[in-house]
Amino acid sequence: MEPKDMQLIEQHSTHDATLAKLWQEHVVYEQQLDKLERKPYLTTDEQVERNRLKKLKLAGRDRIETILAQYRSSIQAKSNAG
């Protein structure tokens, strides 16, 4: 994530339960993927799990990005109004 995105996540996750949940899931998926990626060899089941985690992480990231886009739009509208 870019620093601006991280700033928005930190700023809004305290009052946006959906964003907080999605970010928490993203971090967990990333940790699980890192654990699998460190292995020199993956079993077939581990390969399937890695692919599943990647898809979940990507879907979550897309949802996070949609939420952040709404916050960016709101910020932009406020700055244009002021």
PDB file of N, CA and C in Angstrom:
ATOM      1  N   MET A   1       0.843  -1.186   0.000  1.00  0.00           N
ATOM      2  CA  MET A   1       0.000   0.000   0.000  1.00  0.00           C
ATOM      3  C   MET A   1       0.887   1.248   0.000  1.00  0.00           C
ATOM      4  N   GLU A   2       0.396   2.257  -0.669  1.00  0.00           N
ATOM      5  CA  GLU A   2       1.103   3.529  -0.714  1.00  0.00           C
ATOM      6  C   GLU A   2       0.924   4.264   0.612  1.00  0.00           C
ATOM      7  N   PRO A   3       1.869   5.127   0.953  1.00  0.00           N
ATOM      8  CA  PRO A   3       1.760   5.868   2.220  1.00  0.00           C
ATOM      9  C   PRO A   3       0.452   6.660   2.349  1.00  0.00           C
ATOM     10  N   LYS A   4      -0.025   7.247   1.242  1.00  0.00           N
ATOM     11  CA  LYS A   4      -1.292   7.998   1.304  1.00  0.00           C
ATOM     12  C   LYS A   4      -2.456   7.060   1.633  1.00  0.00           C
ATOM     13  N   ASP A   5      -2.420   5.851   1.065  1.00  0.00           N
ATOM     14  CA  ASP A   5      -3.473   4.875   1.355  1.00  0.00           C
ATOM     15  C   ASP A   5      -3.412   4.450   2.810  1.00  0.00           C
ATOM     16  N   MET A   6      -2.209   4.207   3.303  1.00  0.00           N
ATOM     17  CA  MET A   6      -2.046   3.797   4.700  1.00  0.00           C
ATOM     18  C   MET A   6      -2.561   4.890   5.637  1.00  0.00           C
ATOM     19  N   GLN A   7      -2.301   6.132   5.273  1.00  0.00           N
ATOM     20  CA  GLN A   7      -2.769   7.250   6.087  1.00  0.00           C
ATOM     21  C   GLN A   7      -4.302   7.272   6.138  1.00  0.00           C
ATOM     22  N   LEU A   8      -4.935   7.072   4.999  1.00  0.00           N
ATOM     23  CA  LEU A   8      -6.399   7.035   4.966  1.00  0.00           C
ATOM     24  C   LEU A   8      -6.946   5.858   5.775  1.00  0.00           C
ATOM     25  N   ILE A   9      -6.296   4.708   5.655  1.00  0.00           N
ATOM     26  CA  ILE A   9      -6.739   3.533   6.408  1.00  0.00           C
ATOM     27  C   ILE A   9      -6.635   3.802   7.902  1.00  0.00           C
ATOM     28  N   GLU A  10      -5.514   4.328   8.333  1.00  0.00           N
ATOM     29  CA  GLU A  10      -5.329   4.630   9.753  1.00  0.00           C
ATOM     30  C   GLU A  10      -6.343   5.664  10.233  1.00  0.00           C
ATOM     31  N   GLN A  11      -6.584   6.647   9.414  1.00  0.00           N
ATOM     32  CA  GLN A  11      -7.503   7.729   9.779  1.00  0.00           C
ATOM     33  C   GLN A  11      -8.949   7.250   9.883  1.00  0.00           C
ATOM     34  N   HIS A  12      -9.373   6.386   8.975  1.00  0.00           N
ATOM     35  CA  HIS A  12     -10.797   6.045   8.900  1.00  0.00           C
ATOM     36  C   HIS A  12     -11.157   4.688   9.496  1.00  0.00           C
ATOM     37  N   SER A  13     -10.192   3.828   9.727  1.00  0.00           N
ATOM     38  CA  SER A  13     -10.534   2.499  10.241  1.00  0.00           C
ATOM     39  C   SER A  13     -11.036   2.543  11.677  1.00  0.00           C
ATOM     40  N   THR A  14     -10.756   3.639  12.385  1.00  0.00           N
ATOM     41  CA  THR A  14     -11.246   3.741  13.769  1.00  0.00           C
ATOM     42  C   THR A  14     -12.765   3.895  13.824  1.00  0.00           C
ATOM     43  N   HIS A  15     -13.363   4.460  12.778  1.00  0.00           N
ATOM     44  CA  HIS A  15     -14.815   4.641  12.769  1.00  0.00           C
ATOM     45  C   HIS A  15     -15.501   3.890  11.622  1.00  0.00           C
ATOM     46  N   ASP A  16     -14.750   3.223  10.787  1.00  0.00           N
ATOM     47  CA  ASP A  16     -15.305   2.455   9.674  1.00  0.00           C
ATOM     48  C   ASP A  16     -15.002   0.983   9.919  1.00  0.00           C
ATOM     49  N   ALA A  17     -15.973   0.273  10.483  1.00  0.00           N
ATOM     50  CA  ALA A  17     -15.765  -1.125  10.857  1.00  0.00           C
ATOM     51  C   ALA A  17     -15.462  -2.005   9.651  1.00  0.00           C
ATOM     52  N   THR A  18     -16.083  -1.719   8.531  1.00  0.00           N
ATOM     53  CA  THR A  18     -15.839  -2.511   7.326  1.00  0.00           C
ATOM     54  C   THR A  18     -14.395  -2.356   6.871  1.00  0.00           C
ATOM     55  N   LEU A  19     -13.920  -1.130   6.822  1.00  0.00           N
ATOM     56  CA  LEU A  19     -12.546  -0.877   6.426  1.00  0.00           C
ATOM     57  C   LEU A  19     -11.570  -1.534   7.397  1.00  0.00           C
ATOM     58  N   ALA A  20     -11.845  -1.426   8.685  1.00  0.00           N
ATOM     59  CA  ALA A  20     -10.972  -2.030   9.691  1.00  0.00           C
ATOM     60  C   ALA A  20     -10.923  -3.550   9.523  1.00  0.00           C
ATOM     61  N   LYS A  21     -12.077  -4.167   9.294  1.00  0.00           N
ATOM     62  CA  LYS A  21     -12.139  -5.619   9.120  1.00  0.00           C
ATOM     63  C   LYS A  21     -11.389  -6.044   7.861  1.00  0.00           C
ATOM     64  N   LEU A  22     -11.604  -5.331   6.766  1.00  0.00           N
ATOM     65  CA  LEU A  22     -10.932  -5.667   5.519  1.00  0.00           C
ATOM     66  C   LEU A  22      -9.417  -5.524   5.656  1.00  0.00           C
ATOM     67  N   TRP A  23      -8.973  -4.476   6.344  1.00  0.00           N
ATOM     68  CA  TRP A  23      -7.536  -4.279   6.521  1.00  0.00           C
ATOM     69  C   TRP A  23      -6.944  -5.379   7.392  1.00  0.00           C
ATOM     70  N   GLN A  24      -7.661  -5.742   8.448  1.00  0.00           N
ATOM     71  CA  GLN A  24      -7.192  -6.815   9.336  1.00  0.00           C
ATOM     72  C   GLN A  24      -7.067  -8.126   8.553  1.00  0.00           C
ATOM     73  N   GLU A  25      -8.059  -8.439   7.729  1.00  0.00           N
ATOM     74  CA  GLU A  25      -8.006  -9.643   6.901  1.00  0.00           C
ATOM     75  C   GLU A  25      -6.831  -9.574   5.928  1.00  0.00           C
ATOM     76  N   HIS A  26      -6.619  -8.414   5.332  1.00  0.00           N
ATOM     77  CA  HIS A  26      -5.520  -8.228   4.383  1.00  0.00           C
ATOM     78  C   HIS A  26      -4.178  -8.555   5.045  1.00  0.00           C
ATOM     79  N   VAL A  27      -3.993  -8.062   6.245  1.00  0.00           N
ATOM     80  CA  VAL A  27      -2.747  -8.305   6.978  1.00  0.00           C
ATOM     81  C   VAL A  27      -2.589  -9.795   7.289  1.00  0.00           C
ATOM     82  N   VAL A  28      -3.656 -10.446   7.698  1.00  0.00           N
ATOM     83  CA  VAL A  28      -3.597 -11.883   8.009  1.00  0.00           C
ATOM     84  C   VAL A  28      -3.265 -12.680   6.751  1.00  0.00           C
ATOM     85  N   TYR A  29      -3.925 -12.372   5.644  1.00  0.00           N
ATOM     86  CA  TYR A  29      -3.635 -13.076   4.382  1.00  0.00           C
ATOM     87  C   TYR A  29      -2.184 -12.878   3.973  1.00  0.00           C
ATOM     88  N   GLU A  30      -1.696 -11.659   4.143  1.00  0.00           N
ATOM     89  CA  GLU A  30      -0.313 -11.360   3.784  1.00  0.00           C
ATOM     90  C   GLU A  30       0.667 -12.176   4.637  1.00  0.00           C
ATOM     91  N   GLN A  31       0.377 -12.280   5.922  1.00  0.00           N
ATOM     92  CA  GLN A  31       1.233 -13.069   6.815  1.00  0.00           C
ATOM     93  C   GLN A  31       1.223 -14.542   6.432  1.00  0.00           C
ATOM     94  N   GLN A  32       0.037 -15.061   6.118  1.00  0.00           N
ATOM     95  CA  GLN A  32      -0.074 -16.467   5.730  1.00  0.00           C
ATOM     96  C   GLN A  32       0.650 -16.728   4.413  1.00  0.00           C
ATOM     97  N   LEU A  33       0.519 -15.793   3.474  1.00  0.00           N
ATOM     98  CA  LEU A  33       1.218 -15.933   2.199  1.00  0.00           C
ATOM     99  C   LEU A  33       2.730 -15.876   2.389  1.00  0.00           C
ATOM    100  N   ASP A  34       3.199 -14.972   3.226  1.00  0.00           N
ATOM    101  CA  ASP A  34       4.633 -14.879   3.500  1.00  0.00           C
ATOM    102  C   ASP A  34       5.165 -16.193   4.064  1.00  0.00           C
ATOM    103  N   LYS A  35       4.391 -16.775   4.944  1.00  0.00           N
ATOM    104  CA  LYS A  35       4.790 -18.053   5.547  1.00  0.00           C
ATOM    105  C   LYS A  35       4.927 -19.139   4.475  1.00  0.00           C
ATOM    106  N   LEU A  36       3.963 -19.182   3.568  1.00  0.00           N
ATOM    107  CA  LEU A  36       4.021 -20.173   2.493  1.00  0.00           C
ATOM    108  C   LEU A  36       5.158 -19.872   1.520  1.00  0.00           C
ATOM    109  N   GLU A  37       5.351 -18.600   1.216  1.00  0.00           N
ATOM    110  CA  GLU A  37       6.378 -18.218   0.240  1.00  0.00           C
ATOM    111  C   GLU A  37       7.796 -18.510   0.746  1.00  0.00           C
ATOM    112  N   ARG A  38       7.975 -18.581   2.052  1.00  0.00           N
ATOM    113  CA  ARG A  38       9.295 -18.866   2.609  1.00  0.00           C
ATOM    114  C   ARG A  38       9.686 -20.339   2.506  1.00  0.00           C
ATOM    115  N   LYS A  39       8.709 -21.169   2.223  1.00  0.00           N
ATOM    116  CA  LYS A  39       8.995 -22.601   2.102  1.00  0.00           C
ATOM    117  C   LYS A  39       9.703 -22.875   0.778  1.00  0.00           C
ATOM    118  N   PRO A  40      10.704 -23.746   0.816  1.00  0.00           N
ATOM    119  CA  PRO A  40      11.410 -24.066  -0.433  1.00  0.00           C
ATOM    120  C   PRO A  40      10.566 -24.895  -1.400  1.00  0.00           C
ATOM    121  N   TYR A  41       9.608 -25.620  -0.863  1.00  0.00           N
ATOM    122  CA  TYR A  41       8.754 -26.478  -1.689  1.00  0.00           C
ATOM    123  C   TYR A  41       7.352 -26.458  -1.107  1.00  0.00           C
ATOM    124  N   LEU A  42       6.359 -26.344  -1.981  1.00  0.00           N
ATOM    125  CA  LEU A  42       4.966 -26.376  -1.544  1.00  0.00           C
ATOM    126  C   LEU A  42       4.296 -27.656  -2.021  1.00  0.00           C
ATOM    127  N   THR A  43       3.559 -28.270  -1.113  1.00  0.00           N
ATOM    128  CA  THR A  43       2.763 -29.425  -1.509  1.00  0.00           C
ATOM    129  C   THR A  43       1.629 -28.928  -2.404  1.00  0.00           C
ATOM    130  N   THR A  44       0.931 -29.845  -3.001  1.00  0.00           N
ATOM    131  CA  THR A  44      -0.211 -29.471  -3.847  1.00  0.00           C
ATOM    132  C   THR A  44      -1.246 -28.714  -3.029  1.00  0.00           C
ATOM    133  N   ASP A  45      -1.518 -29.204  -1.824  1.00  0.00           N
ATOM    134  CA  ASP A  45      -2.484 -28.513  -0.963  1.00  0.00           C
ATOM    135  C   ASP A  45      -2.013 -27.112  -0.605  1.00  0.00           C
ATOM    136  N   GLU A  46      -0.727 -26.960  -0.356  1.00  0.00           N
ATOM    137  CA  GLU A  46      -0.188 -25.646  -0.037  1.00  0.00           C
ATOM    138  C   GLU A  46      -0.257 -24.713  -1.242  1.00  0.00           C
ATOM    139  N   GLN A  47      -0.058 -25.230  -2.426  1.00  0.00           N
ATOM    140  CA  GLN A  47      -0.179 -24.418  -3.634  1.00  0.00           C
ATOM    141  C   GLN A  47      -1.610 -23.942  -3.818  1.00  0.00           C
ATOM    142  N   VAL A  48      -2.549 -24.839  -3.559  1.00  0.00           N
ATOM    143  CA  VAL A  48      -3.968 -24.478  -3.657  1.00  0.00           C
ATOM    144  C   VAL A  48      -4.291 -23.412  -2.620  1.00  0.00           C
ATOM    145  N   GLU A  49      -3.785 -23.594  -1.405  1.00  0.00           N
ATOM    146  CA  GLU A  49      -4.024 -22.619  -0.337  1.00  0.00           C
ATOM    147  C   GLU A  49      -3.397 -21.270  -0.680  1.00  0.00           C
ATOM    148  N   ARG A  50      -2.190 -21.277  -1.232  1.00  0.00           N
ATOM    149  CA  ARG A  50      -1.531 -20.042  -1.636  1.00  0.00           C
ATOM    150  C   ARG A  50      -2.386 -19.297  -2.669  1.00  0.00           C
ATOM    151  N   ASN A  51      -2.879 -20.014  -3.656  1.00  0.00           N
ATOM    152  CA  ASN A  51      -3.722 -19.391  -4.692  1.00  0.00           C
ATOM    153  C   ASN A  51      -5.022 -18.848  -4.105  1.00  0.00           C
ATOM    154  N   ARG A  52      -5.610 -19.598  -3.161  1.00  0.00           N
ATOM    155  CA  ARG A  52      -6.841 -19.154  -2.506  1.00  0.00           C
ATOM    156  C   ARG A  52      -6.584 -17.866  -1.726  1.00  0.00           C
ATOM    157  N   LEU A  53      -5.480 -17.838  -0.979  1.00  0.00           N
ATOM    158  CA  LEU A  53      -5.146 -16.653  -0.194  1.00  0.00           C
ATOM    159  C   LEU A  53      -4.881 -15.444  -1.086  1.00  0.00           C
ATOM    160  N   LYS A  54      -4.208 -15.673  -2.205  1.00  0.00           N
ATOM    161  CA  LYS A  54      -3.941 -14.574  -3.136  1.00  0.00           C
ATOM    162  C   LYS A  54      -5.239 -13.985  -3.670  1.00  0.00           C
ATOM    163  N   LYS A  55      -6.194 -14.846  -3.996  1.00  0.00           N
ATOM    164  CA  LYS A  55      -7.477 -14.370  -4.507  1.00  0.00           C
ATOM    165  C   LYS A  55      -8.240 -13.597  -3.437  1.00  0.00           C
ATOM    166  N   LEU A  56      -8.236 -14.121  -2.203  1.00  0.00           N
ATOM    167  CA  LEU A  56      -8.920 -13.434  -1.110  1.00  0.00           C
ATOM    168  C   LEU A  56      -8.281 -12.080  -0.828  1.00  0.00           C
ATOM    169  N   LYS A  57      -6.956 -12.061  -0.840  1.00  0.00           N
ATOM    170  CA  LYS A  57      -6.225 -10.821  -0.585  1.00  0.00           C
ATOM    171  C   LYS A  57      -6.528  -9.784  -1.668  1.00  0.00           C
ATOM    172  N   LEU A  58      -6.533 -10.213  -2.918  1.00  0.00           N
ATOM    173  CA  LEU A  58      -6.822  -9.313  -4.028  1.00  0.00           C
ATOM    174  C   LEU A  58      -8.255  -8.784  -3.963  1.00  0.00           C
ATOM    175  N   ALA A  59      -9.200  -9.658  -3.668  1.00  0.00           N
ATOM    176  CA  ALA A  59     -10.599  -9.227  -3.562  1.00  0.00           C
ATOM    177  C   ALA A  59     -10.756  -8.222  -2.428  1.00  0.00           C
ATOM    178  N   GLY A  60     -10.103  -8.486  -1.311  1.00  0.00           N
ATOM    179  CA  GLY A  60     -10.161  -7.565  -0.181  1.00  0.00           C
ATOM    180  C   GLY A  60      -9.519  -6.235  -0.515  1.00  0.00           C
ATOM    181  N   ARG A  61      -8.408  -6.300  -1.212  1.00  0.00           N
ATOM    182  CA  ARG A  61      -7.705  -5.063  -1.603  1.00  0.00           C
ATOM    183  C   ARG A  61      -8.594  -4.228  -2.535  1.00  0.00           C
ATOM    184  N   ASP A  62      -9.299  -4.891  -3.438  1.00  0.00           N
ATOM    185  CA  ASP A  62     -10.221  -4.177  -4.320  1.00  0.00           C
ATOM    186  C   ASP A  62     -11.314  -3.467  -3.517  1.00  0.00           C
ATOM    187  N   ARG A  63     -11.833  -4.157  -2.512  1.00  0.00           N
ATOM    188  CA  ARG A  63     -12.876  -3.554  -1.668  1.00  0.00           C
ATOM    189  C   ARG A  63     -12.309  -2.391  -0.856  1.00  0.00           C
ATOM    190  N   ILE A  64     -11.085  -2.565  -0.337  1.00  0.00           N
ATOM    191  CA  ILE A  64     -10.425  -1.479   0.392  1.00  0.00           C
ATOM    192  C   ILE A  64     -10.246  -0.279  -0.529  1.00  0.00           C
ATOM    193  N   GLU A  65      -9.795  -0.534  -1.733  1.00  0.00           N
ATOM    194  CA  GLU A  65      -9.560   0.549  -2.691  1.00  0.00           C
ATOM    195  C   GLU A  65     -10.857   1.287  -3.015  1.00  0.00           C
ATOM    196  N   THR A  66     -11.961   0.579  -3.113  1.00  0.00           N
ATOM    197  CA  THR A  66     -13.256   1.213  -3.367  1.00  0.00           C
ATOM    198  C   THR A  66     -13.628   2.142  -2.214  1.00  0.00           C
ATOM    199  N   ILE A  67     -13.421   1.674  -0.995  1.00  0.00           N
ATOM    200  CA  ILE A  67     -13.724   2.496   0.178  1.00  0.00           C
ATOM    201  C   ILE A  67     -12.820   3.725   0.216  1.00  0.00           C
ATOM    202  N   LEU A  68     -11.527   3.514  -0.034  1.00  0.00           N
ATOM    203  CA  LEU A  68     -10.585   4.636  -0.015  1.00  0.00           C
ATOM    204  C   LEU A  68     -10.912   5.655  -1.105  1.00  0.00           C
ATOM    205  N   ALA A  69     -11.370   5.178  -2.250  1.00  0.00           N
ATOM    206  CA  ALA A  69     -11.754   6.084  -3.336  1.00  0.00           C
ATOM    207  C   ALA A  69     -12.912   6.985  -2.892  1.00  0.00           C
ATOM    208  N   GLN A  70     -13.826   6.428  -2.119  1.00  0.00           N
ATOM    209  CA  GLN A  70     -14.937   7.234  -1.607  1.00  0.00           C
ATOM    210  C   GLN A  70     -14.430   8.303  -0.647  1.00  0.00           C
ATOM    211  N   TYR A  71     -13.478   7.936   0.206  1.00  0.00           N
ATOM    212  CA  TYR A  71     -12.905   8.916   1.128  1.00  0.00           C
ATOM    213  C   TYR A  71     -12.124   9.989   0.368  1.00  0.00           C
ATOM    214  N   ARG A  72     -11.372   9.570  -0.650  1.00  0.00           N
ATOM    215  CA  ARG A  72     -10.629  10.545  -1.456  1.00  0.00           C
ATOM    216  C   ARG A  72     -11.590  11.523  -2.138  1.00  0.00           C
ATOM    217  N   SER A  73     -12.683  10.995  -2.663  1.00  0.00           N
ATOM    218  CA  SER A  73     -13.685  11.820  -3.336  1.00  0.00           C
ATOM    219  C   SER A  73     -14.298  12.815  -2.363  1.00  0.00           C
ATOM    220  N   SER A  74     -14.563  12.356  -1.169  1.00  0.00           N
ATOM    221  CA  SER A  74     -15.122  13.231  -0.128  1.00  0.00           C
ATOM    222  C   SER A  74     -14.145  14.332   0.232  1.00  0.00           C
ATOM    223  N   ILE A  75     -12.885  13.994   0.363  1.00  0.00           N
ATOM    224  CA  ILE A  75     -11.845  14.980   0.674  1.00  0.00           C
ATOM    225  C   ILE A  75     -11.735  15.994  -0.455  1.00  0.00           C
ATOM    226  N   GLN A  76     -11.772  15.492  -1.689  1.00  0.00           N
ATOM    227  CA  GLN A  76     -11.671  16.366  -2.869  1.00  0.00           C
ATOM    228  C   GLN A  76     -12.846  17.336  -2.926  1.00  0.00           C
ATOM    229  N   ALA A  77     -14.051  16.830  -2.637  1.00  0.00           N
ATOM    230  CA  ALA A  77     -15.233  17.683  -2.665  1.00  0.00           C
ATOM    231  C   ALA A  77     -15.153  18.763  -1.603  1.00  0.00           C
ATOM    232  N   LYS A  78     -14.655  18.400  -0.430  1.00  0.00           N
ATOM    233  CA  LYS A  78     -14.516  19.378   0.649  1.00  0.00           C
ATOM    234  C   LYS A  78     -13.495  20.458   0.301  1.00  0.00           C
ATOM    235  N   SER A  79     -12.399  20.037  -0.312  1.00  0.00           N
ATOM    236  CA  SER A  79     -11.369  21.032  -0.662  1.00  0.00           C
ATOM    237  C   SER A  79     -11.840  21.938  -1.794  1.00  0.00           C
ATOM    238  N   ASN A  80     -12.667  21.430  -2.689  1.00  0.00           N
ATOM    239  CA  ASN A  80     -13.193  22.256  -3.784  1.00  0.00           C
ATOM    240  C   ASN A  80     -14.262  23.220  -3.274  1.00  0.00           C
ATOM    241  N   ALA A  81     -14.981  22.817  -2.233  1.00  0.00           N
ATOM    242  CA  ALA A  81     -16.049  23.664  -1.685  1.00  0.00           C
ATOM    243  C   ALA A  81     -15.459  24.791  -0.843  1.00  0.00           C
ATOM    244  N   GLY A  82     -14.288  24.554  -0.282  1.00  0.00           N
ATOM    245  CA  GLY A  82     -13.695  25.527   0.630  1.00  0.00           C
ATOM    246  C   GLY A  82     -12.859  26.484  -0.049  1.00  0.00           C
TER     247      GLY A  82
END
